[in-house]
């Protein structure tokens, strides 16, 4: 077996792995730098964003509270009604 042939497969695999690492770095480094040095990115006032989140929270809390009112924690609700029985039509044979 030729030593050159035995090294070609690991060499090609290594080159492919290095290429994949470089490609990943090229695609992720710009977003990493933008996140690290770009500031908030939104340009909006953080106090306004927090106020919007608080308003949204209050609306959802009121909705959840309205759903919970009137329920009992200690009793299960009654089961849903059973479906009506279906009538089977029997075919009667006439005697000869």
Protein backbone atom coordinates (compact mmCIF):
# COMPACT_ATOMS: atom_id res chain seq x y z
CA UNK A 1 0.00 0.00 0.00
CA UNK A 2 1.32 3.37 -0.95
CA UNK A 3 1.75 5.80 2.01
CA UNK A 4 0.44 8.59 -0.17
CA UNK A 5 -2.90 6.80 -0.68
CA UNK A 6 -3.36 6.06 3.02
CA UNK A 7 -2.98 9.76 3.92
CA UNK A 8 -5.29 11.13 1.25
CA UNK A 9 -8.57 10.28 3.00
CA UNK A 10 -7.61 11.84 6.38
CA UNK A 11 -6.14 14.85 4.57
CA UNK A 12 -9.33 15.46 2.58
CA UNK A 13 -11.42 15.03 5.74
CA UNK A 14 -9.23 17.52 7.61
CA UNK A 15 -9.46 20.06 4.81
CA UNK A 16 -13.24 19.69 4.73
CA UNK A 17 -13.45 20.15 8.52
CA UNK A 18 -11.22 23.24 8.41
CA UNK A 19 -13.36 24.66 5.60
CA UNK A 20 -16.51 24.08 7.64
CA UNK A 21 -14.95 25.81 10.66
CA UNK A 22 -13.90 28.81 8.55
CA UNK A 23 -17.36 29.03 6.98
CA UNK A 24 -19.02 28.95 10.39
CA UNK A 25 -16.67 31.64 11.71
CA UNK A 26 -17.27 33.87 8.68
CA UNK A 27 -21.03 33.58 9.09
CA UNK A 28 -21.14 34.14 12.87
CA UNK A 29 -18.42 36.69 13.58
CA UNK A 30 -20.27 39.68 12.04
CA UNK A 31 -23.37 39.09 14.14
CA UNK A 32 -21.22 38.56 17.23
CA UNK A 33 -19.43 41.87 16.63
CA UNK A 34 -22.72 43.68 15.99
CA UNK A 35 -24.14 42.33 19.24
CA UNK A 36 -21.03 43.23 21.21
CA UNK A 37 -20.44 46.73 19.85
CA UNK A 38 -23.71 47.73 18.23
CA UNK A 39 -25.57 48.95 21.31
CA UNK A 40 -29.25 48.23 21.77
CA UNK A 41 -29.90 48.03 18.05
CA UNK A 42 -33.54 49.08 18.38
CA UNK A 43 -32.94 52.78 18.78
CA UNK A 44 -36.08 53.02 20.94
CA UNK A 45 -36.05 54.25 24.49
CA UNK A 46 -35.66 51.28 26.89
CA UNK A 47 -38.21 52.83 29.27
CA UNK A 48 -40.83 52.76 26.48
CA UNK A 49 -40.04 49.13 25.71
CA UNK A 50 -40.36 48.19 29.38
CA UNK A 51 -43.66 50.09 29.66
CA UNK A 52 -44.98 48.22 26.61
CA UNK A 53 -44.00 44.89 28.18
CA UNK A 54 -45.67 45.85 31.47
CA UNK A 55 -48.89 46.82 29.65
CA UNK A 56 -48.87 43.52 27.78
CA UNK A 57 -48.29 41.65 31.03
CA UNK A 58 -51.18 43.43 32.75
CA UNK A 59 -53.56 42.59 29.89
CA UNK A 60 -52.58 38.91 29.96
CA UNK A 61 -52.79 38.78 33.76
CA UNK A 62 -56.31 40.23 33.68
CA UNK A 63 -57.32 37.69 31.02
CA UNK A 64 -55.93 34.75 33.03
CA UNK A 65 -57.58 36.03 36.21
CA UNK A 66 -60.95 36.27 34.44
CA UNK A 67 -60.57 32.68 33.25
CA UNK A 68 -59.83 31.47 36.76
CA UNK A 69 -62.64 33.29 38.58
CA UNK A 70 -65.62 31.12 39.36
CA UNK A 71 -63.66 27.88 39.34
CA UNK A 72 -63.27 25.71 42.36
CA UNK A 73 -59.88 24.33 43.18
CA UNK A 74 -61.30 21.48 45.26
CA UNK A 75 -63.96 20.04 42.95
CA UNK A 76 -63.64 18.64 39.49
CA UNK A 77 -65.99 20.02 36.86
CA UNK A 78 -68.78 17.68 35.77
CA UNK A 79 -67.93 15.41 32.86
CA UNK A 80 -69.15 16.44 29.43
CA UNK A 81 -72.51 15.00 28.41
CA UNK A 82 -72.49 11.61 26.76
CA UNK A 83 -73.32 11.52 23.08
CA UNK A 84 -76.82 10.44 22.18
CA UNK A 85 -77.08 6.77 21.24
CA UNK A 86 -77.29 6.12 17.56
CA UNK A 87 -80.25 4.18 16.30
CA UNK A 88 -79.55 1.15 14.27
CA UNK A 89 -81.98 0.33 11.57
CA UNK A 90 -82.59 -3.37 11.49
CA UNK A 91 -83.61 -5.04 8.31
CA UNK A 92 -86.37 -7.47 8.87
CA UNK A 93 -86.88 -10.26 6.48
CA UNK A 94 -90.40 -11.12 5.54
CA UNK A 95 -91.33 -14.73 6.08
CA UNK A 96 -92.02 -16.63 2.87
